[in-house]
mmCIF file of all heavy atoms, coordinates in Angstrom:
data_MODEL
# 
_entry.id   MODEL 
# 
loop_
_atom_site.group_PDB 
_atom_site.id 
_atom_site.type_symbol 
_atom_site.label_atom_id 
_atom_site.label_alt_id 
_atom_site.label_comp_id 
_atom_site.label_asym_id 
_atom_site.label_entity_id 
_atom_site.label_seq_id 
_atom_site.pdbx_PDB_ins_code 
_atom_site.Cartn_x 
_atom_site.Cartn_y 
_atom_site.Cartn_z 
_atom_site.occupancy 
_atom_site.B_iso_or_equiv 
_atom_site.pdbx_formal_charge 
_atom_site.auth_seq_id 
_atom_site.auth_comp_id 
_atom_site.auth_asym_id 
_atom_site.auth_atom_id 
_atom_site.pdbx_PDB_model_num 
ATOM 1   N N   . ILE A 1 1  ? 0.854   -1.198 -0.005  1.00 0.00 ? 1  ILE A N   1 
ATOM 2   C CA  . ILE A 1 1  ? -0.018  0.000  0.017   1.00 0.00 ? 1  ILE A CA  1 
ATOM 3   C C   . ILE A 1 1  ? 0.891   1.247  0.011   1.00 0.00 ? 1  ILE A C   1 
ATOM 4   O O   . ILE A 1 1  ? 1.732   1.388  0.880   1.00 0.00 ? 1  ILE A O   1 
ATOM 5   C CB  . ILE A 1 1  ? -0.908  0.021  1.252   1.00 0.00 ? 1  ILE A CB  1 
ATOM 6   C CG1 . ILE A 1 1  ? -1.815  -1.218 1.260   1.00 0.00 ? 1  ILE A CG1 1 
ATOM 7   C CG2 . ILE A 1 1  ? -1.744  1.292  1.285   1.00 0.00 ? 1  ILE A CG2 1 
ATOM 8   C CD1 . ILE A 1 1  ? -2.639  -1.369 2.516   1.00 0.00 ? 1  ILE A CD1 1 
ATOM 9   N N   . PRO A 1 2  ? 0.752   2.148  -0.992  1.00 0.00 ? 2  PRO A N   1 
ATOM 10  C CA  . PRO A 1 2  ? 1.599   3.336  -1.017  1.00 0.00 ? 2  PRO A CA  1 
ATOM 11  C C   . PRO A 1 2  ? 1.225   4.289  0.141   1.00 0.00 ? 2  PRO A C   1 
ATOM 12  O O   . PRO A 1 2  ? 0.089   4.334  0.566   1.00 0.00 ? 2  PRO A O   1 
ATOM 13  C CB  . PRO A 1 2  ? 1.233   3.982  -2.363  1.00 0.00 ? 2  PRO A CB  1 
ATOM 14  C CG  . PRO A 1 2  ? -0.123  3.456  -2.707  1.00 0.00 ? 2  PRO A CG  1 
ATOM 15  C CD  . PRO A 1 2  ? -0.184  2.063  -2.139  1.00 0.00 ? 2  PRO A CD  1 
ATOM 16  N N   . LEU A 1 3  ? 2.241   4.995  0.629   1.00 0.00 ? 3  LEU A N   1 
ATOM 17  C CA  . LEU A 1 3  ? 2.007   5.910  1.760   1.00 0.00 ? 3  LEU A CA  1 
ATOM 18  C C   . LEU A 1 3  ? 1.175   7.115  1.329   1.00 0.00 ? 3  LEU A C   1 
ATOM 19  O O   . LEU A 1 3  ? 0.532   7.750  2.173   1.00 0.00 ? 3  LEU A O   1 
ATOM 20  C CB  . LEU A 1 3  ? 3.324   6.352  2.341   1.00 0.00 ? 3  LEU A CB  1 
ATOM 21  C CG  . LEU A 1 3  ? 4.212   5.270  2.985   1.00 0.00 ? 3  LEU A CG  1 
ATOM 22  C CD1 . LEU A 1 3  ? 5.427   5.898  3.599   1.00 0.00 ? 3  LEU A CD1 1 
ATOM 23  C CD2 . LEU A 1 3  ? 3.445   4.507  4.020   1.00 0.00 ? 3  LEU A CD2 1 
ATOM 24  N N   . ASP A 1 4  ? 1.233   7.478  0.054   1.00 0.00 ? 4  ASP A N   1 
ATOM 25  C CA  . ASP A 1 4  ? 0.501   8.672  -0.399  1.00 0.00 ? 4  ASP A CA  1 
ATOM 26  C C   . ASP A 1 4  ? -0.806  8.294  -1.118  1.00 0.00 ? 4  ASP A C   1 
ATOM 27  O O   . ASP A 1 4  ? -1.156  8.912  -2.096  1.00 0.00 ? 4  ASP A O   1 
ATOM 28  C CB  . ASP A 1 4  ? 1.382   9.530  -1.308  1.00 0.00 ? 4  ASP A CB  1 
ATOM 29  C CG  . ASP A 1 4  ? 1.894   8.767  -2.513  1.00 0.00 ? 4  ASP A CG  1 
ATOM 30  O OD1 . ASP A 1 4  ? 1.790   7.534  -2.503  1.00 0.00 ? 4  ASP A OD1 1 
ATOM 31  O OD2 . ASP A 1 4  ? 2.362   9.409  -3.458  1.00 0.00 ? 4  ASP A OD2 1 
ATOM 32  N N   . PHE A 1 5  ? -1.507  7.282  -0.612  1.00 0.00 ? 5  PHE A N   1 
ATOM 33  C CA  . PHE A 1 5  ? -2.806  6.954  -1.219  1.00 0.00 ? 5  PHE A CA  1 
ATOM 34  C C   . PHE A 1 5  ? -3.796  8.090  -0.956  1.00 0.00 ? 5  PHE A C   1 
ATOM 35  O O   . PHE A 1 5  ? -3.625  8.864  0.012   1.00 0.00 ? 5  PHE A O   1 
ATOM 36  C CB  . PHE A 1 5  ? -3.348  5.647  -0.664  1.00 0.00 ? 5  PHE A CB  1 
ATOM 37  C CG  . PHE A 1 5  ? -3.717  5.657  0.787   1.00 0.00 ? 5  PHE A CG  1 
ATOM 38  C CD1 . PHE A 1 5  ? -4.989  5.999  1.169   1.00 0.00 ? 5  PHE A CD1 1 
ATOM 39  C CD2 . PHE A 1 5  ? -2.763  5.350  1.768   1.00 0.00 ? 5  PHE A CD2 1 
ATOM 40  C CE1 . PHE A 1 5  ? -5.341  6.016  2.542   1.00 0.00 ? 5  PHE A CE1 1 
ATOM 41  C CE2 . PHE A 1 5  ? -3.110  5.366  3.115   1.00 0.00 ? 5  PHE A CE2 1 
ATOM 42  C CZ  . PHE A 1 5  ? -4.381  5.731  3.494   1.00 0.00 ? 5  PHE A CZ  1 
ATOM 43  N N   . SER A 1 6  ? -4.769  8.231  -1.785  1.00 0.00 ? 6  SER A N   1 
ATOM 44  C CA  . SER A 1 6  ? -5.664  9.396  -1.696  1.00 0.00 ? 6  SER A CA  1 
ATOM 45  C C   . SER A 1 6  ? -7.131  8.956  -1.411  1.00 0.00 ? 6  SER A C   1 
ATOM 46  O O   . SER A 1 6  ? -7.510  7.840  -1.734  1.00 0.00 ? 6  SER A O   1 
ATOM 47  C CB  . SER A 1 6  ? -5.642  10.184 -3.010  1.00 0.00 ? 6  SER A CB  1 
ATOM 48  O OG  . SER A 1 6  ? -6.063  9.403  -4.088  1.00 0.00 ? 6  SER A OG  1 
ATOM 49  N N   . ILE A 1 7  ? -7.862  9.871  -0.856  1.00 0.00 ? 7  ILE A N   1 
ATOM 50  C CA  . ILE A 1 7  ? -9.307  9.715  -0.717  1.00 0.00 ? 7  ILE A CA  1 
ATOM 51  C C   . ILE A 1 7  ? -9.999  10.875 -1.390  1.00 0.00 ? 7  ILE A C   1 
ATOM 52  O O   . ILE A 1 7  ? -9.346  11.882 -1.710  1.00 0.00 ? 7  ILE A O   1 
ATOM 53  C CB  . ILE A 1 7  ? -9.696  9.633  0.791   1.00 0.00 ? 7  ILE A CB  1 
ATOM 54  C CG1 . ILE A 1 7  ? -9.206  10.858 1.554   1.00 0.00 ? 7  ILE A CG1 1 
ATOM 55  C CG2 . ILE A 1 7  ? -9.200  8.341  1.434   1.00 0.00 ? 7  ILE A CG2 1 
ATOM 56  C CD1 . ILE A 1 7  ? -9.591  10.853 3.018   1.00 0.00 ? 7  ILE A CD1 1 
ATOM 57  N N   . ASN A 1 8  ? -11.289 10.793 -1.579  1.00 0.00 ? 8  ASN A N   1 
ATOM 58  C CA  . ASN A 1 8  ? -11.981 11.742 -2.446  1.00 0.00 ? 8  ASN A CA  1 
ATOM 59  C C   . ASN A 1 8  ? -11.904 13.207 -1.997  1.00 0.00 ? 8  ASN A C   1 
ATOM 60  O O   . ASN A 1 8  ? -12.018 14.121 -2.798  1.00 0.00 ? 8  ASN A O   1 
ATOM 61  C CB  . ASN A 1 8  ? -13.460 11.340 -2.570  1.00 0.00 ? 8  ASN A CB  1 
ATOM 62  C CG  . ASN A 1 8  ? -13.589 10.062 -3.406  1.00 0.00 ? 8  ASN A CG  1 
ATOM 63  O OD1 . ASN A 1 8  ? -12.693 9.695  -4.131  1.00 0.00 ? 8  ASN A OD1 1 
ATOM 64  N ND2 . ASN A 1 8  ? -14.731 9.384  -3.255  1.00 0.00 ? 8  ASN A ND2 1 
ATOM 65  N N   . ILE A 1 9  ? -11.754 13.448 -0.706  1.00 0.00 ? 9  ILE A N   1 
ATOM 66  C CA  . ILE A 1 9  ? -11.772 14.818 -0.258  1.00 0.00 ? 9  ILE A CA  1 
ATOM 67  C C   . ILE A 1 9  ? -10.422 15.540 -0.450  1.00 0.00 ? 9  ILE A C   1 
ATOM 68  O O   . ILE A 1 9  ? -10.294 16.736 -0.222  1.00 0.00 ? 9  ILE A O   1 
ATOM 69  C CB  . ILE A 1 9  ? -12.151 14.902 1.241   1.00 0.00 ? 9  ILE A CB  1 
ATOM 70  C CG1 . ILE A 1 9  ? -11.109 14.151 2.111   1.00 0.00 ? 9  ILE A CG1 1 
ATOM 71  C CG2 . ILE A 1 9  ? -13.582 14.385 1.475   1.00 0.00 ? 9  ILE A CG2 1 
ATOM 72  C CD1 . ILE A 1 9  ? -11.325 14.351 3.582   1.00 0.00 ? 9  ILE A CD1 1 
ATOM 73  N N   . MET A 1 10 ? -9.398  14.778 -0.886  1.00 0.00 ? 10 MET A N   1 
ATOM 74  C CA  . MET A 1 10 ? -8.077  15.390 -1.058  1.00 0.00 ? 10 MET A CA  1 
ATOM 75  C C   . MET A 1 10 ? -7.934  16.096 -2.414  1.00 0.00 ? 10 MET A C   1 
ATOM 76  O O   . MET A 1 10 ? -8.456  15.606 -3.406  1.00 0.00 ? 10 MET A O   1 
ATOM 77  C CB  . MET A 1 10 ? -6.992  14.303 -0.969  1.00 0.00 ? 10 MET A CB  1 
ATOM 78  C CG  . MET A 1 10 ? -6.809  13.685 0.415   1.00 0.00 ? 10 MET A CG  1 
ATOM 79  S SD  . MET A 1 10 ? -5.528  12.431 0.427   1.00 0.00 ? 10 MET A SD  1 
ATOM 80  C CE  . MET A 1 10 ? -5.396  12.071 2.161   1.00 0.00 ? 10 MET A CE  1 
ATOM 81  N N   . GLU A 1 11 ? -7.216  17.189 -2.400  1.00 0.00 ? 11 GLU A N   1 
ATOM 82  C CA  . GLU A 1 11 ? -6.884  17.885 -3.660  1.00 0.00 ? 11 GLU A CA  1 
ATOM 83  C C   . GLU A 1 11 ? -5.684  17.151 -4.267  1.00 0.00 ? 11 GLU A C   1 
ATOM 84  O O   . GLU A 1 11 ? -4.690  16.875 -3.571  1.00 0.00 ? 11 GLU A O   1 
ATOM 85  C CB  . GLU A 1 11 ? -6.573  19.339 -3.404  1.00 0.00 ? 11 GLU A CB  1 
ATOM 86  C CG  . GLU A 1 11 ? -6.404  20.121 -4.705  1.00 0.00 ? 11 GLU A CG  1 
ATOM 87  C CD  . GLU A 1 11 ? -6.260  21.615 -4.466  1.00 0.00 ? 11 GLU A CD  1 
ATOM 88  O OE1 . GLU A 1 11 ? -6.296  22.034 -3.286  1.00 0.00 ? 11 GLU A OE1 1 
ATOM 89  O OE2 . GLU A 1 11 ? -6.155  22.381 -5.442  1.00 0.00 ? 11 GLU A OE2 1 
ATOM 90  N N   . LEU A 1 12 ? -5.754  16.897 -5.571  1.00 0.00 ? 12 LEU A N   1 
ATOM 91  C CA  . LEU A 1 12 ? -4.701  16.139 -6.239  1.00 0.00 ? 12 LEU A CA  1 
ATOM 92  C C   . LEU A 1 12 ? -3.800  17.044 -7.094  1.00 0.00 ? 12 LEU A C   1 
ATOM 93  O O   . LEU A 1 12 ? -4.268  18.011 -7.675  1.00 0.00 ? 12 LEU A O   1 
ATOM 94  C CB  . LEU A 1 12 ? -5.325  15.065 -7.144  1.00 0.00 ? 12 LEU A CB  1 
ATOM 95  C CG  . LEU A 1 12 ? -6.267  14.062 -6.439  1.00 0.00 ? 12 LEU A CG  1 
ATOM 96  C CD1 . LEU A 1 12 ? -6.784  13.038 -7.488  1.00 0.00 ? 12 LEU A CD1 1 
ATOM 97  C CD2 . LEU A 1 12 ? -5.599  13.330 -5.300  1.00 0.00 ? 12 LEU A CD2 1 
ATOM 98  N N   . ALA A 1 13 ? -2.530  16.668 -7.150  1.00 0.00 ? 13 ALA A N   1 
ATOM 99  C CA  . ALA A 1 13 ? -1.578  17.369 -8.033  1.00 0.00 ? 13 ALA A CA  1 
ATOM 100 C C   . ALA A 1 13 ? -1.957  17.068 -9.457  1.00 0.00 ? 13 ALA A C   1 
ATOM 101 O O   . ALA A 1 13 ? -2.156  15.895 -9.825  1.00 0.00 ? 13 ALA A O   1 
ATOM 102 C CB  . ALA A 1 13 ? -0.149  16.937 -7.748  1.00 0.00 ? 13 ALA A CB  1 
ATOM 103 N N   . PRO A 1 14 ? -2.084  18.088 -10.336 1.00 0.00 ? 14 PRO A N   1 
ATOM 104 C CA  . PRO A 1 14 ? -2.591  17.861 -11.676 1.00 0.00 ? 14 PRO A CA  1 
ATOM 105 C C   . PRO A 1 14 ? -1.729  16.923 -12.539 1.00 0.00 ? 14 PRO A C   1 
ATOM 106 O O   . PRO A 1 14 ? -2.262  16.201 -13.392 1.00 0.00 ? 14 PRO A O   1 
ATOM 107 C CB  . PRO A 1 14 ? -2.652  19.260 -12.276 1.00 0.00 ? 14 PRO A CB  1 
ATOM 108 C CG  . PRO A 1 14 ? -1.727  20.096 -11.418 1.00 0.00 ? 14 PRO A CG  1 
ATOM 109 C CD  . PRO A 1 14 ? -1.798  19.498 -10.073 1.00 0.00 ? 14 PRO A CD  1 
ATOM 110 N N   . LYS A 1 15 ? -0.407  16.912 -12.333 1.00 0.00 ? 15 LYS A N   1 
ATOM 111 C CA  . LYS A 1 15 ? 0.472   16.103 -13.210 1.00 0.00 ? 15 LYS A CA  1 
ATOM 112 C C   . LYS A 1 15 ? 0.572   14.631 -12.800 1.00 0.00 ? 15 LYS A C   1 
ATOM 113 O O   . LYS A 1 15 ? 0.851   13.785 -13.622 1.00 0.00 ? 15 LYS A O   1 
ATOM 114 C CB  . LYS A 1 15 ? 1.884   16.720 -13.218 1.00 0.00 ? 15 LYS A CB  1 
ATOM 115 C CG  . LYS A 1 15 ? 1.964   18.018 -14.011 1.00 0.00 ? 15 LYS A CG  1 
ATOM 116 C CD  . LYS A 1 15 ? 3.408   18.478 -14.123 1.00 0.00 ? 15 LYS A CD  1 
ATOM 117 C CE  . LYS A 1 15 ? 3.476   19.778 -14.942 1.00 0.00 ? 15 LYS A CE  1 
ATOM 118 N NZ  . LYS A 1 15 ? 4.890   20.229 -15.067 1.00 0.00 ? 15 LYS A NZ  1 
ATOM 119 N N   . THR A 1 16 ? 0.344   14.353 -11.514 1.00 0.00 ? 16 THR A N   1 
ATOM 120 C CA  . THR A 1 16 ? 0.563   12.988 -11.022 1.00 0.00 ? 16 THR A CA  1 
ATOM 121 C C   . THR A 1 16 ? -0.682  12.318 -10.448 1.00 0.00 ? 16 THR A C   1 
ATOM 122 O O   . THR A 1 16 ? -0.703  11.122 -10.236 1.00 0.00 ? 16 THR A O   1 
ATOM 123 C CB  . THR A 1 16 ? 1.658   12.986 -9.918  1.00 0.00 ? 16 THR A CB  1 
ATOM 124 O OG1 . THR A 1 16 ? 1.194   13.820 -8.821  1.00 0.00 ? 16 THR A OG1 1 
ATOM 125 C CG2 . THR A 1 16 ? 2.968   13.539 -10.449 1.00 0.00 ? 16 THR A CG2 1 
ATOM 126 N N   . ALA A 1 17 ? -1.734  13.148 -10.188 1.00 0.00 ? 17 ALA A N   1 
ATOM 127 C CA  . ALA A 1 17 ? -2.977  12.637 -9.576  1.00 0.00 ? 17 ALA A CA  1 
ATOM 128 C C   . ALA A 1 17 ? -2.728  12.002 -8.203  1.00 0.00 ? 17 ALA A C   1 
ATOM 129 O O   . ALA A 1 17 ? -3.462  11.108 -7.796  1.00 0.00 ? 17 ALA A O   1 
ATOM 130 C CB  . ALA A 1 17 ? -3.657  11.628 -10.525 1.00 0.00 ? 17 ALA A CB  1 
ATOM 131 N N   . ARG A 1 18 ? -1.716  12.465 -7.522  1.00 0.00 ? 18 ARG A N   1 
ATOM 132 C CA  . ARG A 1 18 ? -1.436  12.069 -6.137  1.00 0.00 ? 18 ARG A CA  1 
ATOM 133 C C   . ARG A 1 18 ? -1.794  13.225 -5.232  1.00 0.00 ? 18 ARG A C   1 
ATOM 134 O O   . ARG A 1 18 ? -1.875  14.388 -5.681  1.00 0.00 ? 18 ARG A O   1 
ATOM 135 C CB  . ARG A 1 18 ? 0.020   11.692 -5.950  1.00 0.00 ? 18 ARG A CB  1 
ATOM 136 C CG  . ARG A 1 18 ? 0.601   10.692 -6.942  1.00 0.00 ? 18 ARG A CG  1 
ATOM 137 C CD  . ARG A 1 18 ? -0.165  9.419  -7.010  1.00 0.00 ? 18 ARG A CD  1 
ATOM 138 N NE  . ARG A 1 18 ? -0.190  8.676  -5.768  1.00 0.00 ? 18 ARG A NE  1 
ATOM 139 C CZ  . ARG A 1 18 ? -0.897  7.564  -5.600  1.00 0.00 ? 18 ARG A CZ  1 
ATOM 140 N NH1 . ARG A 1 18 ? -1.645  7.096  -6.579  1.00 0.00 ? 18 ARG A NH1 1 
ATOM 141 N NH2 . ARG A 1 18 ? -0.847  6.933  -4.443  1.00 0.00 ? 18 ARG A NH2 1 
ATOM 142 N N   . PRO A 1 19 ? -2.025  12.998 -3.929  1.00 0.00 ? 19 PRO A N   1 
ATOM 143 C CA  . PRO A 1 19 ? -2.411  14.079 -3.043  1.00 0.00 ? 19 PRO A CA  1 
ATOM 144 C C   . PRO A 1 19 ? -1.431  15.248 -3.082  1.00 0.00 ? 19 PRO A C   1 
ATOM 145 O O   . PRO A 1 19 ? -0.213  15.086 -3.002  1.00 0.00 ? 19 PRO A O   1 
ATOM 146 C CB  . PRO A 1 19 ? -2.392  13.398 -1.648  1.00 0.00 ? 19 PRO A CB  1 
ATOM 147 C CG  . PRO A 1 19 ? -2.662  11.990 -1.956  1.00 0.00 ? 19 PRO A CG  1 
ATOM 148 C CD  . PRO A 1 19 ? -2.008  11.674 -3.253  1.00 0.00 ? 19 PRO A CD  1 
ATOM 149 N N   . GLN A 1 20 ? -1.994  16.456 -3.218  1.00 0.00 ? 20 GLN A N   1 
ATOM 150 C CA  . GLN A 1 20 ? -1.178  17.658 -3.322  1.00 0.00 ? 20 GLN A CA  1 
ATOM 151 C C   . GLN A 1 20 ? -0.762  18.160 -1.943  1.00 0.00 ? 20 GLN A C   1 
ATOM 152 O O   . GLN A 1 20 ? -1.595  18.313 -1.043  1.00 0.00 ? 20 GLN A O   1 
ATOM 153 C CB  . GLN A 1 20 ? -1.961  18.720 -4.076  1.00 0.00 ? 20 GLN A CB  1 
ATOM 154 C CG  . GLN A 1 20 ? -1.233  20.010 -4.300  1.00 0.00 ? 20 GLN A CG  1 
ATOM 155 C CD  . GLN A 1 20 ? -2.008  20.955 -5.215  1.00 0.00 ? 20 GLN A CD  1 
ATOM 156 O OE1 . GLN A 1 20 ? -2.057  20.771 -6.428  1.00 0.00 ? 20 GLN A OE1 1 
ATOM 157 N NE2 . GLN A 1 20 ? -2.654  21.926 -4.621  1.00 0.00 ? 20 GLN A NE2 1 
ATOM 158 N N   . VAL A 1 21 ? 0.535   18.448 -1.773  1.00 0.00 ? 21 VAL A N   1 
ATOM 159 C CA  . VAL A 1 21 ? 1.025   18.982 -0.512  1.00 0.00 ? 21 VAL A CA  1 
ATOM 160 C C   . VAL A 1 21 ? 1.536   20.415 -0.631  1.00 0.00 ? 21 VAL A C   1 
ATOM 161 O O   . VAL A 1 21 ? 1.712   21.117 0.352   1.00 0.00 ? 21 VAL A O   1 
ATOM 162 C CB  . VAL A 1 21 ? 2.154   18.099 0.071   1.00 0.00 ? 21 VAL A CB  1 
ATOM 163 C CG1 . VAL A 1 21 ? 1.655   16.753 0.402   1.00 0.00 ? 21 VAL A CG1 1 
ATOM 164 C CG2 . VAL A 1 21 ? 3.350   18.038 -0.892  1.00 0.00 ? 21 VAL A CG2 1 
ATOM 165 N N   . GLU A 1 22 ? 1.781   20.817 -1.875  1.00 0.00 ? 22 GLU A N   1 
ATOM 166 C CA  . GLU A 1 22 ? 2.220   22.176 -2.185  1.00 0.00 ? 22 GLU A CA  1 
ATOM 167 C C   . GLU A 1 22 ? 1.643   22.477 -3.556  1.00 0.00 ? 22 GLU A C   1 
ATOM 168 O O   . GLU A 1 22 ? 1.199   21.586 -4.269  1.00 0.00 ? 22 GLU A O   1 
ATOM 169 C CB  . GLU A 1 22 ? 3.759   22.240 -2.200  1.00 0.00 ? 22 GLU A CB  1 
ATOM 170 C CG  . GLU A 1 22 ? 4.318   23.609 -1.908  1.00 0.00 ? 22 GLU A CG  1 
ATOM 171 C CD  . GLU A 1 22 ? 5.813   23.569 -1.725  1.00 0.00 ? 22 GLU A CD  1 
ATOM 172 O OE1 . GLU A 1 22 ? 6.281   23.361 -0.571  1.00 0.00 ? 22 GLU A OE1 1 
ATOM 173 O OE2 . GLU A 1 22 ? 6.551   23.735 -2.713  1.00 0.00 ? 22 GLU A OE2 1 
ATOM 174 N N   . LYS A 1 23 ? 1.642   23.767 -3.948  1.00 0.00 ? 23 LYS A N   1 
ATOM 175 C CA  . LYS A 1 23 ? 1.008   24.109 -5.199  1.00 0.00 ? 23 LYS A CA  1 
ATOM 176 C C   . LYS A 1 23 ? 1.477   23.235 -6.363  1.00 0.00 ? 23 LYS A C   1 
ATOM 177 O O   . LYS A 1 23 ? 2.642   23.259 -6.747  1.00 0.00 ? 23 LYS A O   1 
ATOM 178 C CB  . LYS A 1 23 ? 1.286   25.583 -5.523  1.00 0.00 ? 23 LYS A CB  1 
ATOM 179 C CG  . LYS A 1 23 ? 0.510   26.089 -6.744  1.00 0.00 ? 23 LYS A CG  1 
ATOM 180 C CD  . LYS A 1 23 ? 0.740   27.571 -6.977  1.00 0.00 ? 23 LYS A CD  1 
ATOM 181 C CE  . LYS A 1 23 ? -0.050  28.031 -8.216  1.00 0.00 ? 23 LYS A CE  1 
ATOM 182 N NZ  . LYS A 1 23 ? 0.199   29.451 -8.466  1.00 0.00 ? 23 LYS A NZ  1 
ATOM 183 N N   . ASN A 1 24 ? 0.560   22.471 -6.943  1.00 0.00 ? 24 ASN A N   1 
ATOM 184 C CA  . ASN A 1 24 ? 0.760   21.606 -8.073  1.00 0.00 ? 24 ASN A CA  1 
ATOM 185 C C   . ASN A 1 24 ? 1.801   20.478 -7.835  1.00 0.00 ? 24 ASN A C   1 
ATOM 186 O O   . ASN A 1 24 ? 2.248   19.856 -8.785  1.00 0.00 ? 24 ASN A O   1 
ATOM 187 C CB  . ASN A 1 24 ? 1.204   22.409 -9.334  1.00 0.00 ? 24 ASN A CB  1 
ATOM 188 C CG  . ASN A 1 24 ? 0.125   23.355 -9.781  1.00 0.00 ? 24 ASN A CG  1 
ATOM 189 O OD1 . ASN A 1 24 ? -1.060  23.065 -9.630  1.00 0.00 ? 24 ASN A OD1 1 
ATOM 190 N ND2 . ASN A 1 24 ? 0.520   24.505 -10.355 1.00 0.00 ? 24 ASN A ND2 1 
ATOM 191 N N   . LEU A 1 25 ? 2.178   20.224 -6.573  1.00 0.00 ? 25 LEU A N   1 
ATOM 192 C CA  . LEU A 1 25 ? 3.180   19.223 -6.312  1.00 0.00 ? 25 LEU A CA  1 
ATOM 193 C C   . LEU A 1 25 ? 2.634   18.204 -5.299  1.00 0.00 ? 25 LEU A C   1 
ATOM 194 O O   . LEU A 1 25 ? 2.028   18.578 -4.286  1.00 0.00 ? 25 LEU A O   1 
ATOM 195 C CB  . LEU A 1 25 ? 4.454   19.842 -5.733  1.00 0.00 ? 25 LEU A CB  1 
ATOM 196 C CG  . LEU A 1 25 ? 5.293   20.740 -6.643  1.00 0.00 ? 25 LEU A CG  1 
ATOM 197 C CD1 . LEU A 1 25 ? 6.435   21.304 -5.849  1.00 0.00 ? 25 LEU A CD1 1 
ATOM 198 C CD2 . LEU A 1 25 ? 5.781   19.970 -7.863  1.00 0.00 ? 25 LEU A CD2 1 
ATOM 199 N N   . ASP A 1 26 ? 2.902   16.922 -5.579  1.00 0.00 ? 26 ASP A N   1 
ATOM 200 C CA  . ASP A 1 26 ? 2.624   15.898 -4.575  1.00 0.00 ? 26 ASP A CA  1 
ATOM 201 C C   . ASP A 1 26 ? 3.845   15.721 -3.698  1.00 0.00 ? 26 ASP A C   1 
ATOM 202 O O   . ASP A 1 26 ? 4.889   16.349 -3.903  1.00 0.00 ? 26 ASP A O   1 
ATOM 203 C CB  . ASP A 1 26 ? 2.197   14.579 -5.239  1.00 0.00 ? 26 ASP A CB  1 
ATOM 204 C CG  . ASP A 1 26 ? 3.284   13.972 -6.099  1.00 0.00 ? 26 ASP A CG  1 
ATOM 205 O OD1 . ASP A 1 26 ? 4.446   14.440 -6.044  1.00 0.00 ? 26 ASP A OD1 1 
ATOM 206 O OD2 . ASP A 1 26 ? 2.998   13.008 -6.839  1.00 0.00 ? 26 ASP A OD2 1 
ATOM 207 N N   . ASN A 1 27 ? 3.737   14.827 -2.718  1.00 0.00 ? 27 ASN A N   1 
ATOM 208 C CA  . ASN A 1 27 ? 4.841   14.647 -1.762  1.00 0.00 ? 27 ASN A CA  1 
ATOM 209 C C   . ASN A 1 27 ? 6.118   14.194 -2.450  1.00 0.00 ? 27 ASN A C   1 
ATOM 210 O O   . ASN A 1 27 ? 7.199   14.650 -2.152  1.00 0.00 ? 27 ASN A O   1 
ATOM 211 C CB  . ASN A 1 27 ? 4.438   13.642 -0.707  1.00 0.00 ? 27 ASN A CB  1 
ATOM 212 C CG  . ASN A 1 27 ? 4.936   14.061 0.680   1.00 0.00 ? 27 ASN A CG  1 
ATOM 213 O OD1 . ASN A 1 27 ? 6.028   14.578 0.787   1.00 0.00 ? 27 ASN A OD1 1 
ATOM 214 N ND2 . ASN A 1 27 ? 4.134   13.784 1.705   1.00 0.00 ? 27 ASN A ND2 1 
# 
């Protein structure tokens, strides 16, 4: 199981579709 799995309420980084932690960037 990846540590950065996402749920529906999370905003996603546009390029990777992973949870966004900074503007347009995932972890």
